[in-house]
Amino acid sequence: MVVGMESQVANANADRGSLKYLTSPKLRGELKQTPKIGTTFPVFLWDNNEVNGYPAMATNNVPSSLTKGSGTGLSAIIFGNWNDLIVATWGGIDTVVNPYTNQASGAVTISMLMEADIQVRHPESFSIVADVT
C-alpha cells in the first residue's frame, strides 16, 4: 500500500518537497505492530516516526471511523508533498475578553477567532487511501 502511494505521487512527477505520511493515531498503532520484515526481531512499518523512510505523523483530524462496503472502522492515510498544501489566513486574530458571563465565580471568558482557508496547489502531489483496516 505505502509503496503504491509513493509511486502514484512519483508517477505524477510530484515526489519532491516535504514528503510525509499523515494518518490517525489508530492506524499509527496498527502500523507500529505490523512487521515489515522478520518475525523474531521484526522491523515494523511505522518505526521511529517514519513509514518506509519518510517522516510520519498522526492526528485525530484524520478519520478512523470510515466505512466501505461491509468494512467499518477503517482509517485514512495520506502521503504527499505538504509544501503543496496552502493554509491562507487573512486579518488578524480577533480577541474578545468577557468578564461578565462568569462574574459570580470570578472567571473571565476569552474568545478568539481567526479566519483561514486551506487549498491544495497540486492535487497530484497527494495520494490518499481511505479504507485501511
C-alpha atoms as a PDB file:
ATOM      1  CA  MET A   1       0.000   0.000   0.000  1.00  0.00           C
ATOM      2  CA  VAL A   2       2.627   2.601   1.027  1.00  0.00           C
ATOM      3  CA  VAL A   3       4.873   1.872  -1.966  1.00  0.00           C
ATOM      4  CA  GLY A   4       1.821   2.251  -4.216  1.00  0.00           C
ATOM      5  CA  MET A   5       1.057   5.646  -2.673  1.00  0.00           C
ATOM      6  CA  GLU A   6       4.645   6.794  -3.153  1.00  0.00           C
ATOM      7  CA  SER A   7       4.621   5.512  -6.743  1.00  0.00           C
ATOM      8  CA  GLN A   8       1.377   7.358  -7.521  1.00  0.00           C
ATOM      9  CA  VAL A   9       2.912  10.659  -6.402  1.00  0.00           C
ATOM     10  CA  ALA A  10       6.193   9.892  -8.228  1.00  0.00           C
ATOM     11  CA  ASN A  11       4.400   8.964 -11.453  1.00  0.00           C
ATOM     12  CA  ALA A  12       2.781  12.428 -11.386  1.00  0.00           C
ATOM     13  CA  ASN A  13       6.286  13.985 -11.105  1.00  0.00           C
ATOM     14  CA  ALA A  14       5.324  15.341  -7.694  1.00  0.00           C
ATOM     15  CA  ASP A  15       7.725  13.405  -5.445  1.00  0.00           C
ATOM     16  CA  ARG A  16       9.798  16.344  -4.221  1.00  0.00           C
ATOM     17  CA  GLY A  17       9.476  18.826  -1.426  1.00  0.00           C
ATOM     18  CA  SER A  18       8.242  17.999   2.057  1.00  0.00           C
ATOM     19  CA  LEU A  19       7.154  14.370   1.562  1.00  0.00           C
ATOM     20  CA  LYS A  20       5.434  12.901   4.619  1.00  0.00           C
ATOM     21  CA  TYR A  21       2.733  10.494   5.750  1.00  0.00           C
ATOM     22  CA  LEU A  22      -0.264  11.581   7.820  1.00  0.00           C
ATOM     23  CA  THR A  23      -2.789   9.246   9.430  1.00  0.00           C
ATOM     24  CA  SER A  24      -4.882   8.657  12.538  1.00  0.00           C
ATOM     25  CA  PRO A  25      -3.484   7.557  15.914  1.00  0.00           C
ATOM     26  CA  LYS A  26      -5.467   4.324  15.487  1.00  0.00           C
ATOM     27  CA  LEU A  27      -3.680   3.426  12.240  1.00  0.00           C
ATOM     28  CA  ARG A  28      -0.354   4.550  13.675  1.00  0.00           C
ATOM     29  CA  GLY A  29      -0.846   1.976  16.431  1.00  0.00           C
ATOM     30  CA  GLU A  30      -1.615  -0.727  13.868  1.00  0.00           C
ATOM     31  CA  LEU A  31       1.423   0.140  11.741  1.00  0.00           C
ATOM     32  CA  LYS A  32       3.653   0.052  14.821  1.00  0.00           C
ATOM     33  CA  GLN A  33       2.598  -3.579  15.305  1.00  0.00           C
ATOM     34  CA  THR A  34       2.710  -4.653  11.636  1.00  0.00           C
ATOM     35  CA  PRO A  35       6.045  -6.258  10.716  1.00  0.00           C
ATOM     36  CA  LYS A  36       7.700  -5.014   7.542  1.00  0.00           C
ATOM     37  CA  ILE A  37      10.257  -7.821   7.665  1.00  0.00           C
ATOM     38  CA  GLY A  38      11.161 -10.576  10.078  1.00  0.00           C
ATOM     39  CA  THR A  39       9.308 -12.316  12.857  1.00  0.00           C
ATOM     40  CA  THR A  40      11.964 -12.973  15.500  1.00  0.00           C
ATOM     41  CA  PHE A  41      13.292  -9.400  15.553  1.00  0.00           C
ATOM     42  CA  PRO A  42      10.819  -7.628  13.249  1.00  0.00           C
ATOM     43  CA  VAL A  43      11.143  -4.237  11.640  1.00  0.00           C
ATOM     44  CA  PHE A  44       7.750  -2.547  11.781  1.00  0.00           C
ATOM     45  CA  LEU A  45       6.049  -0.412   9.107  1.00  0.00           C
ATOM     46  CA  TRP A  46       5.954   2.590  11.481  1.00  0.00           C
ATOM     47  CA  ASP A  47       9.374   2.880  13.057  1.00  0.00           C
ATOM     48  CA  ASN A  48      10.989   5.916  14.680  1.00  0.00           C
ATOM     49  CA  ASN A  49       8.188   8.186  13.376  1.00  0.00           C
ATOM     50  CA  GLU A  50       8.864   7.085   9.803  1.00  0.00           C
ATOM     51  CA  VAL A  51       6.983   4.962   7.295  1.00  0.00           C
ATOM     52  CA  ASN A  52       9.132   3.481   4.529  1.00  0.00           C
ATOM     53  CA  GLY A  53      11.836   6.083   5.161  1.00  0.00           C
ATOM     54  CA  TYR A  54       9.532   9.127   5.109  1.00  0.00           C
ATOM     55  CA  PRO A  55       8.504  11.180   8.168  1.00  0.00           C
ATOM     56  CA  ALA A  56       5.096  10.194   9.536  1.00  0.00           C
ATOM     57  CA  MET A  57       2.656  11.947  11.838  1.00  0.00           C
ATOM     58  CA  ALA A  58      -0.723  11.114  13.354  1.00  0.00           C
ATOM     59  CA  THR A  59      -3.669  13.307  14.287  1.00  0.00           C
ATOM     60  CA  ASN A  60      -7.273  12.757  15.300  1.00  0.00           C
ATOM     61  CA  ASN A  61      -8.193  15.090  12.409  1.00  0.00           C
ATOM     62  CA  VAL A  62      -7.647  12.123  10.069  1.00  0.00           C
ATOM     63  CA  PRO A  63     -10.717   9.881  10.363  1.00  0.00           C
ATOM     64  CA  SER A  64     -10.549   6.324  11.701  1.00  0.00           C
ATOM     65  CA  SER A  65     -14.266   5.532  11.577  1.00  0.00           C
ATOM     66  CA  LEU A  66     -14.800   5.286   7.819  1.00  0.00           C
ATOM     67  CA  THR A  67     -16.911   2.624   6.087  1.00  0.00           C
ATOM     68  CA  LYS A  68     -16.591   0.973   2.689  1.00  0.00           C
ATOM     69  CA  GLY A  69     -18.817  -1.878   1.632  1.00  0.00           C
ATOM     70  CA  SER A  70     -19.109  -4.155   4.640  1.00  0.00           C
ATOM     71  CA  GLY A  71     -15.924  -2.780   6.228  1.00  0.00           C
ATOM     72  CA  THR A  72     -16.298  -0.431   9.188  1.00  0.00           C
ATOM     73  CA  GLY A  73     -13.859   1.362  11.455  1.00  0.00           C
ATOM     74  CA  LEU A  74     -11.498   1.987   8.530  1.00  0.00           C
ATOM     75  CA  SER A  75      -8.757   4.599   8.671  1.00  0.00           C
ATOM     76  CA  ALA A  76      -7.318   7.012   6.141  1.00  0.00           C
ATOM     77  CA  ILE A  77      -3.663   7.612   5.337  1.00  0.00           C
ATOM     78  CA  ILE A  78      -2.251  10.442   3.224  1.00  0.00           C
ATOM     79  CA  PHE A  79       1.162  10.645   1.555  1.00  0.00           C
ATOM     80  CA  GLY A  80       2.326  13.722  -0.234  1.00  0.00           C
ATOM     81  CA  ASN A  81       4.321  16.889  -0.632  1.00  0.00           C
ATOM     82  CA  TRP A  82       2.974  19.024   2.190  1.00  0.00           C
ATOM     83  CA  ASN A  83       4.612  22.120   0.666  1.00  0.00           C
ATOM     84  CA  ASP A  84       1.746  21.978  -1.854  1.00  0.00           C
ATOM     85  CA  LEU A  85      -0.873  22.450   0.870  1.00  0.00           C
ATOM     86  CA  ILE A  86      -1.634  26.148   1.229  1.00  0.00           C
ATOM     87  CA  VAL A  87      -3.014  27.487   4.502  1.00  0.00           C
ATOM     88  CA  ALA A  88      -4.081  31.087   3.980  1.00  0.00           C
ATOM     89  CA  THR A  89      -5.157  33.428   6.739  1.00  0.00           C
ATOM     90  CA  TRP A  90      -6.464  36.938   6.442  1.00  0.00           C
ATOM     91  CA  GLY A  91      -6.969  39.556   9.024  1.00  0.00           C
ATOM     92  CA  GLY A  92      -5.572  39.041  12.454  1.00  0.00           C
ATOM     93  CA  ILE A  93      -6.806  37.101  15.420  1.00  0.00           C
ATOM     94  CA  ASP A  94      -9.929  38.714  16.857  1.00  0.00           C
ATOM     95  CA  THR A  95      -9.920  38.515  20.646  1.00  0.00           C
ATOM     96  CA  VAL A  96     -12.888  39.286  22.921  1.00  0.00           C
ATOM     97  CA  VAL A  97     -12.449  39.371  26.702  1.00  0.00           C
ATOM     98  CA  ASN A  98     -15.738  38.892  28.596  1.00  0.00           C
ATOM     99  CA  PRO A  99     -15.521  39.445  32.371  1.00  0.00           C
ATOM    100  CA  TYR A 100     -19.319  39.386  32.831  1.00  0.00           C
ATOM    101  CA  THR A 101     -20.624  35.943  31.794  1.00  0.00           C
ATOM    102  CA  ASN A 102     -18.972  34.075  34.689  1.00  0.00           C
ATOM    103  CA  GLN A 103     -18.609  37.017  37.065  1.00  0.00           C
ATOM    104  CA  ALA A 104     -20.121  35.128  40.021  1.00  0.00           C
ATOM    105  CA  SER A 105     -17.198  32.693  40.010  1.00  0.00           C
ATOM    106  CA  GLY A 106     -14.629  35.353  39.195  1.00  0.00           C
ATOM    107  CA  ALA A 107     -13.758  33.728  35.864  1.00  0.00           C
ATOM    108  CA  VAL A 108     -13.110  35.608  32.645  1.00  0.00           C
ATOM    109  CA  THR A 109     -14.103  34.194  29.269  1.00  0.00           C
ATOM    110  CA  ILE A 110     -11.713  34.840  26.395  1.00  0.00           C
ATOM    111  CA  SER A 111     -12.890  34.086  22.849  1.00  0.00           C
ATOM    112  CA  MET A 112     -10.648  34.130  19.782  1.00  0.00           C
ATOM    113  CA  LEU A 113     -11.460  33.908  16.080  1.00  0.00           C
ATOM    114  CA  MET A 114      -9.123  33.506  13.133  1.00  0.00           C
ATOM    115  CA  GLU A 115     -10.286  33.207   9.539  1.00  0.00           C
ATOM    116  CA  ALA A 116      -8.377  30.743   7.383  1.00  0.00           C
ATOM    117  CA  ASP A 117      -8.742  28.612   4.284  1.00  0.00           C
ATOM    118  CA  ILE A 118      -6.888  25.547   3.032  1.00  0.00           C
ATOM    119  CA  GLN A 119      -6.268  24.665  -0.608  1.00  0.00           C
ATOM    120  CA  VAL A 120      -4.137  22.091  -2.407  1.00  0.00           C
ATOM    121  CA  ARG A 121      -1.855  23.686  -5.016  1.00  0.00           C
ATOM    122  CA  HIS A 122      -1.296  20.454  -6.989  1.00  0.00           C
ATOM    123  CA  PRO A 123      -3.731  17.605  -6.221  1.00  0.00           C
ATOM    124  CA  GLU A 124      -1.354  15.117  -7.866  1.00  0.00           C
ATOM    125  CA  SER A 125       1.114  15.835  -5.026  1.00  0.00           C
ATOM    126  CA  PHE A 126      -1.053  13.731  -2.694  1.00  0.00           C
ATOM    127  CA  SER A 127      -2.133  10.112  -2.521  1.00  0.00           C
ATOM    128  CA  ILE A 128      -4.956   9.133  -0.162  1.00  0.00           C
ATOM    129  CA  VAL A 129      -6.110   5.682   0.881  1.00  0.00           C
ATOM    130  CA  ALA A 130      -9.355   5.953   2.839  1.00  0.00           C
ATOM    131  CA  ASP A 131     -10.081   2.304   3.583  1.00  0.00           C
ATOM    132  CA  VAL A 132      -7.203   0.879   5.615  1.00  0.00           C
ATOM    133  CA  THR A 133      -8.247  -1.843   8.066  1.00  0.00           C
END
